[in-house]
Every structure is written in C-alpha cells, then in structure tokens.
C-alpha cells in the first residue's frame, strides 16, 4: 500500500505524537482527525469519521483497542481508545498509530480495494505494516543541536518531547534495580540518576513556562550544577520506576500547556543569567536537545559505558 508522498503526512504524525504526550483527549481527537483526513485525501478514498474515547472496554477476552463500523447510508466510523483498561494510562504512540492504521485498513479494503469482506489475512497485515513504515521515519537519526531543533517545526519539537517517556521506559524495561543503580564509572551517572534528573529538570521547565506566562520579561532561575542536584537530592537512593512515572506526568503537563498556547505566546520570554533572553519557542528547542542528550547518556549507562 504505497503512499504517493508519505513525507507530507509526517507533520500530522508528529502532531499526533505530541497530542498523546499531552494526555488530553480533545488534542488526540484533533490530531487523529488531521492524520485520517490526510490519509484518505492522499489515497483518494471517501472520508471516515473518527471518534477518540477514553479507557478501553474490556472483558475476559481482553481489551478492545479499536473498532471500524460501516452502515449503509452513513459515513464509516472508526472508534479508538487512548487509555488502557486497567491502569488507565495513555497508550504508547506506536501502539496507538498501529491500531489506527489497522482500522484504516478495513476502510481501505472496502473503499479502495473494493473487497466484499475485510479479513485479517497476511496481506491485510502487510498493508498495515507498509503504511506504518512510511509514516514513521526510521529510528536512529543523529542527535541535533539546540539551534537545529529551533529551526524545526513546533510539531516536530513537541513530538520529540512526547516520545521521551516511552523511549526511557523501553530502555529501562526488564532491568534489575541493582543494574539501574550502578554507575558505569565513578563520576558518571547511573540510569536511575539520569531519570531523576529528567524528572526534576522537567519541573524546572514547567516553572519557567509559568513565570514567563504570568509576567513580562521576568528573570529566570538558573538550575545550577546538575551534579549538585544528584548529590543533595540523593538520586542514588531513588526508585527508577517511580522517578520515570513522575517525569511522565510532568512532561504531560508541559505538553498540555504548550499545545494550548496561542502562537504569539511562543515568543514571550525572560532573562536567563547564563543563556540570556529565552523565549518559550527557544526553551522547547532546548528541551528537545536535552532529551536527546540524556537518552543517549541513558543508553551508554545501561551498556556500562560512561
């Protein structure tokens, strides 16, 4: 299932990533609508209505992720659930997108391929996988500078911020607490310390946004040496899973604030004692670079490399 110009849909995919990171259903609904419309327009098929709901319904057979329905005389509809059934957590971006494309696949079977029925055949799953690979750029892109992030679109930067909690969770999955507490070198942070730093610096960025939005050109607080935070707050005694959960919550709050800002407010700023004048626009670029930097550091620490 080839898309003529998949790159034209990448901004919509990035916007969906950011919307899920915000954990706001309305934002996810709007971003999903945008992507679905882009897909149907690109492939030249009739539109399909999308309804984003909260927690997945579940029973003994498991959880329902998505549902496609088509009734004669009505616009076909896709229903998607953005939270898990039991813990009510927002589903990971890749899982949500695959569910979306799975239900879109049923629509394409009828509207594009003119099939009498839409079964879960090998070809069906190959079409779903093909769409996913075209919409999601290959991983492993090189880390970019703050300036390069600043030149990228707001959607791309917000999507970077939204991906980080899931990427950190994936890196930590299945690791023993002793392994997460181990430093790869005497002066290098352990995985647990890195996650604690992400958690606490996110709180600082949130405070900066609040200060800038409440005042005209305020003075911004300098974070101070990161190693001092690690020592004074005793990061090595913390639990990595708990720190990651707090980071995820704070990052969701940051994304919700940023996604609700009118364009003019992105240019509001304050005076930083070291970096000079910082706008919200530039702070978001700085956050994206900061995420890249510490995710790479986390990978090295888990591999035993300083």
C-alpha atoms as a PDB file:
ATOM      1  CA  UNK A   1       0.000   0.000   0.000  1.00  0.00           C
ATOM      2  CA  UNK A   2       2.146   2.828  -1.315  1.00  0.00           C
ATOM      3  CA  UNK A   3       1.531   6.453  -0.333  1.00  0.00           C
ATOM      4  CA  UNK A   4       2.422   8.928  -3.131  1.00  0.00           C
ATOM      5  CA  UNK A   5       4.271  11.380  -0.843  1.00  0.00           C
ATOM      6  CA  UNK A   6       4.426   9.994   2.709  1.00  0.00           C
ATOM      7  CA  UNK A   7       6.681  12.826   3.914  1.00  0.00           C
ATOM      8  CA  UNK A   8       3.762  15.235   3.529  1.00  0.00           C
ATOM      9  CA  UNK A   9       1.958  13.339   6.277  1.00  0.00           C
ATOM     10  CA  UNK A  10       4.896  13.282   8.706  1.00  0.00           C
ATOM     11  CA  UNK A  11       3.933  16.604  10.379  1.00  0.00           C
ATOM     12  CA  UNK A  12       0.498  15.142  11.122  1.00  0.00           C
ATOM     13  CA  UNK A  13       2.157  12.069  12.635  1.00  0.00           C
ATOM     14  CA  UNK A  14       4.401  14.288  14.759  1.00  0.00           C
ATOM     15  CA  UNK A  15       1.359  16.274  15.914  1.00  0.00           C
ATOM     16  CA  UNK A  16      -0.334  13.032  16.964  1.00  0.00           C
ATOM     17  CA  UNK A  17       2.748  12.044  18.965  1.00  0.00           C
ATOM     18  CA  UNK A  18       2.647  15.350  20.812  1.00  0.00           C
ATOM     19  CA  UNK A  19      -1.098  15.104  21.408  1.00  0.00           C
ATOM     20  CA  UNK A  20      -0.750  11.681  23.041  1.00  0.00           C
ATOM     21  CA  UNK A  21       2.054  13.032  25.193  1.00  0.00           C
ATOM     22  CA  UNK A  22      -0.259  15.765  26.455  1.00  0.00           C
ATOM     23  CA  UNK A  23      -2.746  13.083  27.580  1.00  0.00           C
ATOM     24  CA  UNK A  24      -5.611  15.374  26.501  1.00  0.00           C
ATOM     25  CA  UNK A  25      -8.422  13.553  24.668  1.00  0.00           C
ATOM     26  CA  UNK A  26      -9.522  16.616  22.688  1.00  0.00           C
ATOM     27  CA  UNK A  27      -5.975  17.166  21.408  1.00  0.00           C
ATOM     28  CA  UNK A  28      -5.695  13.483  20.439  1.00  0.00           C
ATOM     29  CA  UNK A  29      -9.069  13.675  18.665  1.00  0.00           C
ATOM     30  CA  UNK A  30      -7.987  16.717  16.651  1.00  0.00           C
ATOM     31  CA  UNK A  31      -4.609  15.230  15.726  1.00  0.00           C
ATOM     32  CA  UNK A  32      -6.208  11.915  14.742  1.00  0.00           C
ATOM     33  CA  UNK A  33      -8.756  13.721  12.571  1.00  0.00           C
ATOM     34  CA  UNK A  34      -5.944  15.557  10.810  1.00  0.00           C
ATOM     35  CA  UNK A  35      -3.972  12.385  10.080  1.00  0.00           C
ATOM     36  CA  UNK A  36      -7.010  10.390   8.937  1.00  0.00           C
ATOM     37  CA  UNK A  37      -8.098  13.141   6.583  1.00  0.00           C
ATOM     38  CA  UNK A  38      -4.570  13.345   5.191  1.00  0.00           C
ATOM     39  CA  UNK A  39      -4.547   9.598   4.540  1.00  0.00           C
ATOM     40  CA  UNK A  40      -7.945   9.448   2.871  1.00  0.00           C
ATOM     41  CA  UNK A  41      -7.221  12.528   0.741  1.00  0.00           C
ATOM     42  CA  UNK A  42      -3.827  11.147  -0.300  1.00  0.00           C
ATOM     43  CA  UNK A  43      -5.289   7.791  -1.305  1.00  0.00           C
ATOM     44  CA  UNK A  44      -8.355   9.319  -2.927  1.00  0.00           C
ATOM     45  CA  UNK A  45     -10.939   7.452  -0.849  1.00  0.00           C
ATOM     46  CA  UNK A  46     -14.115   8.705   0.855  1.00  0.00           C
ATOM     47  CA  UNK A  47     -13.662  10.136   4.347  1.00  0.00           C
ATOM     48  CA  UNK A  48     -14.116   8.133   7.522  1.00  0.00           C
ATOM     49  CA  UNK A  49     -15.300   9.567  10.825  1.00  0.00           C
ATOM     50  CA  UNK A  50     -13.049   9.064  13.853  1.00  0.00           C
ATOM     51  CA  UNK A  51     -14.118   9.031  17.484  1.00  0.00           C
ATOM     52  CA  UNK A  52     -11.436   9.001  20.194  1.00  0.00           C
ATOM     53  CA  UNK A  53     -12.645   7.612  23.517  1.00  0.00           C
ATOM     54  CA  UNK A  54     -11.025   7.247  26.927  1.00  0.00           C
ATOM     55  CA  UNK A  55     -10.306   3.887  28.596  1.00  0.00           C
ATOM     56  CA  UNK A  56     -10.588   0.712  26.542  1.00  0.00           C
ATOM     57  CA  UNK A  57     -13.563  -1.577  27.201  1.00  0.00           C
ATOM     58  CA  UNK A  58     -12.508  -4.982  28.441  1.00  0.00           C
ATOM     59  CA  UNK A  59     -13.841  -8.397  29.412  1.00  0.00           C
ATOM     60  CA  UNK A  60     -12.483 -11.902  29.853  1.00  0.00           C
ATOM     61  CA  UNK A  61     -11.455 -11.958  26.206  1.00  0.00           C
ATOM     62  CA  UNK A  62      -9.162  -8.937  26.676  1.00  0.00           C
ATOM     63  CA  UNK A  63      -9.211  -5.226  25.752  1.00  0.00           C
ATOM     64  CA  UNK A  64     -10.768  -3.628  22.682  1.00  0.00           C
ATOM     65  CA  UNK A  65      -8.237  -1.295  21.027  1.00  0.00           C
ATOM     66  CA  UNK A  66     -10.180  -0.054  18.008  1.00  0.00           C
ATOM     67  CA  UNK A  67     -13.382  -0.670  16.054  1.00  0.00           C
ATOM     68  CA  UNK A  68     -14.422   0.002  12.443  1.00  0.00           C
ATOM     69  CA  UNK A  69     -18.111   0.102  11.535  1.00  0.00           C
ATOM     70  CA  UNK A  70     -19.801   0.792   8.210  1.00  0.00           C
ATOM     71  CA  UNK A  71     -23.574   1.070   7.856  1.00  0.00           C
ATOM     72  CA  UNK A  72     -25.424   1.623   4.615  1.00  0.00           C
ATOM     73  CA  UNK A  73     -26.161   5.286   4.021  1.00  0.00           C
ATOM     74  CA  UNK A  74     -23.826   6.523   6.781  1.00  0.00           C
ATOM     75  CA  UNK A  75     -20.208   7.677   6.846  1.00  0.00           C
ATOM     76  CA  UNK A  76     -17.985   4.786   8.070  1.00  0.00           C
ATOM     77  CA  UNK A  77     -16.672   5.278  11.594  1.00  0.00           C
ATOM     78  CA  UNK A  78     -13.501   4.328  13.467  1.00  0.00           C
ATOM     79  CA  UNK A  79     -13.528   4.272  17.259  1.00  0.00           C
ATOM     80  CA  UNK A  80     -10.225   4.338  19.123  1.00  0.00           C
ATOM     81  CA  UNK A  81      -9.467   4.156  22.837  1.00  0.00           C
ATOM     82  CA  UNK A  82      -6.474   6.156  24.061  1.00  0.00           C
ATOM     83  CA  UNK A  83      -6.126   4.695  27.575  1.00  0.00           C
ATOM     84  CA  UNK A  84      -5.515   1.181  28.819  1.00  0.00           C
ATOM     85  CA  UNK A  85      -8.413  -0.562  30.526  1.00  0.00           C
ATOM     86  CA  UNK A  86      -6.966  -1.374  33.940  1.00  0.00           C
ATOM     87  CA  UNK A  87      -4.371   1.290  34.739  1.00  0.00           C
ATOM     88  CA  UNK A  88      -5.939   3.959  32.519  1.00  0.00           C
ATOM     89  CA  UNK A  89      -2.603   5.025  31.125  1.00  0.00           C
ATOM     90  CA  UNK A  90      -2.322   6.677  27.727  1.00  0.00           C
ATOM     91  CA  UNK A  91      -1.217   4.050  25.243  1.00  0.00           C
ATOM     92  CA  UNK A  92       2.198   4.375  23.613  1.00  0.00           C
ATOM     93  CA  UNK A  93       2.352   6.292  20.343  1.00  0.00           C
ATOM     94  CA  UNK A  94       3.389   3.320  18.207  1.00  0.00           C
ATOM     95  CA  UNK A  95       0.595   1.162  19.630  1.00  0.00           C
ATOM     96  CA  UNK A  96      -1.998   3.873  19.041  1.00  0.00           C
ATOM     97  CA  UNK A  97      -0.830   4.525  15.474  1.00  0.00           C
ATOM     98  CA  UNK A  98      -0.796   0.816  14.614  1.00  0.00           C
ATOM     99  CA  UNK A  99      -4.339   0.482  15.963  1.00  0.00           C
ATOM    100  CA  UNK A 100      -5.410   3.471  13.908  1.00  0.00           C
ATOM    101  CA  UNK A 101      -3.842   2.057  10.736  1.00  0.00           C
ATOM    102  CA  UNK A 102      -5.378  -1.340  11.452  1.00  0.00           C
ATOM    103  CA  UNK A 103      -8.869   0.190  11.427  1.00  0.00           C
ATOM    104  CA  UNK A 104      -7.991   2.343   8.418  1.00  0.00           C
ATOM    105  CA  UNK A 105      -7.006  -0.904   6.698  1.00  0.00           C
ATOM    106  CA  UNK A 106     -10.586  -2.152   6.964  1.00  0.00           C
ATOM    107  CA  UNK A 107     -11.813   1.112   5.421  1.00  0.00           C
ATOM    108  CA  UNK A 108      -9.319   0.790   2.554  1.00  0.00           C
ATOM    109  CA  UNK A 109     -10.347  -2.808   1.903  1.00  0.00           C
ATOM    110  CA  UNK A 110     -13.875  -1.635   1.193  1.00  0.00           C
ATOM    111  CA  UNK A 111     -13.365   1.893  -0.175  1.00  0.00           C
ATOM    112  CA  UNK A 112     -10.152   1.473  -2.173  1.00  0.00           C
ATOM    113  CA  UNK A 113      -9.691  -2.214  -2.962  1.00  0.00           C
ATOM    114  CA  UNK A 114     -13.438  -2.845  -3.309  1.00  0.00           C
ATOM    115  CA  UNK A 115     -13.259  -6.118  -1.416  1.00  0.00           C
ATOM    116  CA  UNK A 116     -16.513  -7.815  -0.430  1.00  0.00           C
ATOM    117  CA  UNK A 117     -15.159  -8.563   3.066  1.00  0.00           C
ATOM    118  CA  UNK A 118     -12.212  -7.331   5.139  1.00  0.00           C
ATOM    119  CA  UNK A 119     -10.462 -10.239   6.801  1.00  0.00           C
ATOM    120  CA  UNK A 120      -7.282 -10.368   8.911  1.00  0.00           C
ATOM    121  CA  UNK A 121      -5.245 -12.022   6.197  1.00  0.00           C
ATOM    122  CA  UNK A 122      -1.480 -11.945   5.698  1.00  0.00           C
ATOM    123  CA  UNK A 123      -1.986  -9.296   3.026  1.00  0.00           C
ATOM    124  CA  UNK A 124      -4.062  -7.171   5.399  1.00  0.00           C
ATOM    125  CA  UNK A 125      -1.271  -7.087   7.989  1.00  0.00           C
ATOM    126  CA  UNK A 126       1.343  -6.384   5.317  1.00  0.00           C
ATOM    127  CA  UNK A 127      -0.667  -3.365   4.144  1.00  0.00           C
ATOM    128  CA  UNK A 128      -0.938  -2.131   7.728  1.00  0.00           C
ATOM    129  CA  UNK A 129       2.821  -2.553   8.247  1.00  0.00           C
ATOM    130  CA  UNK A 130       3.595  -0.823   4.958  1.00  0.00           C
ATOM    131  CA  UNK A 131       1.596   2.259   5.942  1.00  0.00           C
ATOM    132  CA  UNK A 132       3.248   2.374   9.361  1.00  0.00           C
ATOM    133  CA  UNK A 133       6.784   2.227   7.940  1.00  0.00           C
ATOM    134  CA  UNK A 134       6.011   5.043   5.507  1.00  0.00           C
ATOM    135  CA  UNK A 135       4.506   7.279   8.188  1.00  0.00           C
ATOM    136  CA  UNK A 136       7.126   6.760  10.906  1.00  0.00           C
ATOM    137  CA  UNK A 137      10.659   7.849   9.932  1.00  0.00           C
ATOM    138  CA  UNK A 138      13.433   5.396  10.609  1.00  0.00           C
ATOM    139  CA  UNK A 139      14.867   5.484  14.121  1.00  0.00           C
ATOM    140  CA  UNK A 140      18.480   6.198  14.844  1.00  0.00           C
ATOM    141  CA  UNK A 141      18.703   9.667  13.390  1.00  0.00           C
ATOM    142  CA  UNK A 142      21.724  11.583  14.685  1.00  0.00           C
ATOM    143  CA  UNK A 143      21.266  13.901  17.643  1.00  0.00           C
ATOM    144  CA  UNK A 144      20.891  17.518  16.579  1.00  0.00           C
ATOM    145  CA  UNK A 145      21.910  20.805  18.171  1.00  0.00           C
ATOM    146  CA  UNK A 146      19.672  23.256  20.016  1.00  0.00           C
ATOM    147  CA  UNK A 147      19.865  25.557  17.001  1.00  0.00           C
ATOM    148  CA  UNK A 148      18.813  22.756  14.647  1.00  0.00           C
ATOM    149  CA  UNK A 149      15.866  21.892  16.873  1.00  0.00           C
ATOM    150  CA  UNK A 150      14.896  25.576  16.921  1.00  0.00           C
ATOM    151  CA  UNK A 151      14.705  25.553  13.107  1.00  0.00           C
ATOM    152  CA  UNK A 152      12.334  22.589  13.130  1.00  0.00           C
ATOM    153  CA  UNK A 153       8.564  22.942  13.315  1.00  0.00           C
ATOM    154  CA  UNK A 154       6.688  23.155  16.590  1.00  0.00           C
ATOM    155  CA  UNK A 155       5.014  19.824  15.797  1.00  0.00           C
ATOM    156  CA  UNK A 156       8.398  18.118  15.424  1.00  0.00           C
ATOM    157  CA  UNK A 157       9.708  19.549  18.691  1.00  0.00           C
ATOM    158  CA  UNK A 158       6.569  18.656  20.632  1.00  0.00           C
ATOM    159  CA  UNK A 159       6.662  15.159  19.174  1.00  0.00           C
ATOM    160  CA  UNK A 160      10.250  14.762  20.400  1.00  0.00           C
ATOM    161  CA  UNK A 161       9.126  15.747  23.886  1.00  0.00           C
ATOM    162  CA  UNK A 162       6.168  13.371  23.759  1.00  0.00           C
ATOM    163  CA  UNK A 163       8.290  10.364  22.741  1.00  0.00           C
ATOM    164  CA  UNK A 164      10.841  10.676  25.520  1.00  0.00           C
ATOM    165  CA  UNK A 165       8.949   9.000  28.419  1.00  0.00           C
ATOM    166  CA  UNK A 166       8.173   5.957  26.266  1.00  0.00           C
ATOM    167  CA  UNK A 167      11.747   5.727  24.990  1.00  0.00           C
ATOM    168  CA  UNK A 168      13.110   5.916  28.527  1.00  0.00           C
ATOM    169  CA  UNK A 169      10.621   3.282  29.698  1.00  0.00           C
ATOM    170  CA  UNK A 170      11.598   0.979  26.842  1.00  0.00           C
ATOM    171  CA  UNK A 171      15.272   1.356  27.746  1.00  0.00           C
ATOM    172  CA  UNK A 172      14.636   0.539  31.430  1.00  0.00           C
ATOM    173  CA  UNK A 173      12.234  -2.356  30.827  1.00  0.00           C
ATOM    174  CA  UNK A 174      13.253  -5.629  32.431  1.00  0.00           C
ATOM    175  CA  UNK A 175      16.310  -4.205  34.196  1.00  0.00           C
ATOM    176  CA  UNK A 176      17.000  -5.110  37.814  1.00  0.00           C
ATOM    177  CA  UNK A 177      17.077  -2.300  40.371  1.00  0.00           C
ATOM    178  CA  UNK A 178      20.725  -3.108  41.119  1.00  0.00           C
ATOM    179  CA  UNK A 179      21.631  -2.662  37.442  1.00  0.00           C
ATOM    180  CA  UNK A 180      19.786   0.672  37.263  1.00  0.00           C
ATOM    181  CA  UNK A 181      21.611   1.939  40.356  1.00  0.00           C
ATOM    182  CA  UNK A 182      25.064   1.002  39.031  1.00  0.00           C
ATOM    183  CA  UNK A 183      27.305   3.785  37.747  1.00  0.00           C
ATOM    184  CA  UNK A 184      29.363   2.927  34.642  1.00  0.00           C
ATOM    185  CA  UNK A 185      32.230   4.978  36.129  1.00  0.00           C
ATOM    186  CA  UNK A 186      32.868   6.761  39.416  1.00  0.00           C
ATOM    187  CA  UNK A 187      31.914  10.196  38.074  1.00  0.00           C
ATOM    188  CA  UNK A 188      29.232   9.060  35.607  1.00  0.00           C
ATOM    189  CA  UNK A 189      25.541   8.912  36.479  1.00  0.00           C
ATOM    190  CA  UNK A 190      23.661   5.638  36.839  1.00  0.00           C
ATOM    191  CA  UNK A 191      20.444   5.051  34.830  1.00  0.00           C
ATOM    192  CA  UNK A 192      18.404   5.857  37.946  1.00  0.00           C
ATOM    193  CA  UNK A 193      20.190   9.180  38.415  1.00  0.00           C
ATOM    194  CA  UNK A 194      19.589  10.100  34.774  1.00  0.00           C
ATOM    195  CA  UNK A 195      15.850   9.504  35.084  1.00  0.00           C
ATOM    196  CA  UNK A 196      15.748  11.503  38.324  1.00  0.00           C
ATOM    197  CA  UNK A 197      17.455  14.376  36.525  1.00  0.00           C
ATOM    198  CA  UNK A 198      14.892  14.267  33.699  1.00  0.00           C
ATOM    199  CA  UNK A 199      12.104  14.331  36.292  1.00  0.00           C
ATOM    200  CA  UNK A 200      13.468  17.320  38.206  1.00  0.00           C
ATOM    201  CA  UNK A 201      14.550  19.385  35.222  1.00  0.00           C
ATOM    202  CA  UNK A 202      11.050  18.951  33.798  1.00  0.00           C
ATOM    203  CA  UNK A 203       9.668  20.597  36.918  1.00  0.00           C
ATOM    204  CA  UNK A 204      12.086  23.481  36.364  1.00  0.00           C
ATOM    205  CA  UNK A 205      10.990  23.919  32.732  1.00  0.00           C
ATOM    206  CA  UNK A 206       7.365  23.937  33.899  1.00  0.00           C
ATOM    207  CA  UNK A 207       8.156  26.672  36.409  1.00  0.00           C
ATOM    208  CA  UNK A 208       9.848  28.706  33.685  1.00  0.00           C
ATOM    209  CA  UNK A 209       6.766  28.485  31.463  1.00  0.00           C
ATOM    210  CA  UNK A 210       4.524  29.586  34.346  1.00  0.00           C
ATOM    211  CA  UNK A 211       6.819  32.504  35.187  1.00  0.00           C
ATOM    212  CA  UNK A 212       7.025  33.706  31.582  1.00  0.00           C
ATOM    213  CA  UNK A 213       3.274  33.457  31.010  1.00  0.00           C
ATOM    214  CA  UNK A 214       2.462  35.291  34.242  1.00  0.00           C
ATOM    215  CA  UNK A 215       4.976  38.154  33.851  1.00  0.00           C
ATOM    216  CA  UNK A 216       6.532  40.385  31.219  1.00  0.00           C
ATOM    217  CA  UNK A 217      10.195  39.514  30.644  1.00  0.00           C
ATOM    218  CA  UNK A 218      10.811  38.007  34.104  1.00  0.00           C
ATOM    219  CA  UNK A 219      14.140  36.833  35.485  1.00  0.00           C
ATOM    220  CA  UNK A 220      14.506  33.066  35.056  1.00  0.00           C
ATOM    221  CA  UNK A 221      16.094  30.870  37.687  1.00  0.00           C
ATOM    222  CA  UNK A 222      19.365  29.130  36.822  1.00  0.00           C
ATOM    223  CA  UNK A 223      19.302  25.386  37.515  1.00  0.00           C
ATOM    224  CA  UNK A 224      22.801  25.236  38.957  1.00  0.00           C
ATOM    225  CA  UNK A 225      25.219  22.309  38.628  1.00  0.00           C
ATOM    226  CA  UNK A 226      23.344  19.104  37.819  1.00  0.00           C
ATOM    227  CA  UNK A 227      25.781  17.035  39.891  1.00  0.00           C
ATOM    228  CA  UNK A 228      24.844  19.089  42.940  1.00  0.00           C
ATOM    229  CA  UNK A 229      21.183  18.167  42.446  1.00  0.00           C
ATOM    230  CA  UNK A 230      22.113  14.497  42.199  1.00  0.00           C
ATOM    231  CA  UNK A 231      24.069  14.714  45.440  1.00  0.00           C
ATOM    232  CA  UNK A 232      21.762  16.919  47.503  1.00  0.00           C
ATOM    233  CA  UNK A 233      18.605  15.079  46.451  1.00  0.00           C
ATOM    234  CA  UNK A 234      20.276  11.671  46.870  1.00  0.00           C
ATOM    235  CA  UNK A 235      19.295  10.376  43.438  1.00  0.00           C
ATOM    236  CA  UNK A 236      21.106   7.090  44.035  1.00  0.00           C
ATOM    237  CA  UNK A 237      18.567   6.204  46.751  1.00  0.00           C
ATOM    238  CA  UNK A 238      15.539   6.791  44.488  1.00  0.00           C
ATOM    239  CA  UNK A 239      13.447   4.247  42.594  1.00  0.00           C
ATOM    240  CA  UNK A 240      13.826   4.488  38.812  1.00  0.00           C
ATOM    241  CA  UNK A 241      10.269   3.382  38.008  1.00  0.00           C
ATOM    242  CA  UNK A 242       8.770   5.947  40.374  1.00  0.00           C
ATOM    243  CA  UNK A 243      11.019   8.707  39.001  1.00  0.00           C
ATOM    244  CA  UNK A 244      10.019   7.796  35.445  1.00  0.00           C
ATOM    245  CA  UNK A 245       6.323   7.901  36.331  1.00  0.00           C
ATOM    246  CA  UNK A 246       6.710  11.367  37.853  1.00  0.00           C
ATOM    247  CA  UNK A 247       8.658  12.510  34.789  1.00  0.00           C
ATOM    248  CA  UNK A 248       5.899  11.192  32.507  1.00  0.00           C
ATOM    249  CA  UNK A 249       3.255  13.099  34.458  1.00  0.00           C
ATOM    250  CA  UNK A 250       5.224  16.337  34.472  1.00  0.00           C
ATOM    251  CA  UNK A 251       6.018  16.029  30.762  1.00  0.00           C
ATOM    252  CA  UNK A 252       2.307  15.548  30.067  1.00  0.00           C
ATOM    253  CA  UNK A 253       1.579  18.762  31.970  1.00  0.00           C
ATOM    254  CA  UNK A 254       4.253  20.614  29.959  1.00  0.00           C
ATOM    255  CA  UNK A 255       2.826  19.382  26.661  1.00  0.00           C
ATOM    256  CA  UNK A 256      -0.714  20.314  27.672  1.00  0.00           C
ATOM    257  CA  UNK A 257       0.467  23.861  28.450  1.00  0.00           C
ATOM    258  CA  UNK A 258       2.433  24.215  25.223  1.00  0.00           C
ATOM    259  CA  UNK A 259      -0.257  22.818  22.954  1.00  0.00           C
ATOM    260  CA  UNK A 260      -2.823  25.258  24.362  1.00  0.00           C
ATOM    261  CA  UNK A 261      -0.655  28.341  23.754  1.00  0.00           C
ATOM    262  CA  UNK A 262      -1.670  30.820  21.045  1.00  0.00           C
ATOM    263  CA  UNK A 263       1.162  31.476  18.522  1.00  0.00           C
ATOM    264  CA  UNK A 264       2.019  34.881  19.997  1.00  0.00           C
ATOM    265  CA  UNK A 265       2.748  33.401  23.427  1.00  0.00           C
ATOM    266  CA  UNK A 266       5.520  31.208  21.999  1.00  0.00           C
ATOM    267  CA  UNK A 267       7.514  34.426  21.578  1.00  0.00           C
ATOM    268  CA  UNK A 268       7.158  35.518  25.196  1.00  0.00           C
ATOM    269  CA  UNK A 269      10.352  35.144  27.176  1.00  0.00           C
ATOM    270  CA  UNK A 270      12.515  36.004  30.132  1.00  0.00           C
ATOM    271  CA  UNK A 271      16.108  36.779  31.099  1.00  0.00           C
ATOM    272  CA  UNK A 272      18.308  33.796  31.950  1.00  0.00           C
ATOM    273  CA  UNK A 273      21.517  34.606  33.895  1.00  0.00           C
ATOM    274  CA  UNK A 274      23.667  32.407  31.627  1.00  0.00           C
ATOM    275  CA  UNK A 275      21.842  31.922  28.304  1.00  0.00           C
ATOM    276  CA  UNK A 276      20.434  35.440  28.055  1.00  0.00           C
ATOM    277  CA  UNK A 277      16.979  36.053  26.595  1.00  0.00           C
ATOM    278  CA  UNK A 278      14.986  32.814  26.313  1.00  0.00           C
ATOM    279  CA  UNK A 279      11.600  32.625  24.608  1.00  0.00           C
ATOM    280  CA  UNK A 280       9.215  29.723  25.109  1.00  0.00           C
ATOM    281  CA  UNK A 281       9.963  28.841  21.474  1.00  0.00           C
ATOM    282  CA  UNK A 282      13.660  28.505  22.254  1.00  0.00           C
ATOM    283  CA  UNK A 283      13.041  26.725  25.568  1.00  0.00           C
ATOM    284  CA  UNK A 284      11.171  23.973  23.719  1.00  0.00           C
ATOM    285  CA  UNK A 285      14.136  23.542  21.366  1.00  0.00           C
ATOM    286  CA  UNK A 286      16.398  23.362  24.408  1.00  0.00           C
ATOM    287  CA  UNK A 287      14.155  20.680  25.941  1.00  0.00           C
ATOM    288  CA  UNK A 288      14.270  18.588  22.751  1.00  0.00           C
ATOM    289  CA  UNK A 289      18.067  18.775  22.687  1.00  0.00           C
ATOM    290  CA  UNK A 290      18.207  17.988  26.413  1.00  0.00           C
ATOM    291  CA  UNK A 291      16.070  14.871  25.849  1.00  0.00           C
ATOM    292  CA  UNK A 292      18.348  13.690  23.030  1.00  0.00           C
ATOM    293  CA  UNK A 293      21.407  14.218  25.193  1.00  0.00           C
ATOM    294  CA  UNK A 294      20.155  12.309  28.229  1.00  0.00           C
ATOM    295  CA  UNK A 295      18.532   9.463  26.296  1.00  0.00           C
ATOM    296  CA  UNK A 296      21.915   8.866  24.693  1.00  0.00           C
ATOM    297  CA  UNK A 297      23.538   9.063  28.138  1.00  0.00           C
ATOM    298  CA  UNK A 298      20.948   6.558  29.427  1.00  0.00           C
ATOM    299  CA  UNK A 299      21.811   4.117  26.641  1.00  0.00           C
ATOM    300  CA  UNK A 300      25.526   4.362  27.461  1.00  0.00           C
ATOM    301  CA  UNK A 301      24.925   3.877  31.180  1.00  0.00           C
ATOM    302  CA  UNK A 302      22.824   0.768  30.582  1.00  0.00           C
ATOM    303  CA  UNK A 303      25.620  -0.633  28.419  1.00  0.00           C
ATOM    304  CA  UNK A 304      28.206   0.122  31.108  1.00  0.00           C
ATOM    305  CA  UNK A 305      29.815   2.975  29.171  1.00  0.00           C
ATOM    306  CA  UNK A 306      30.435   6.372  30.812  1.00  0.00           C
END
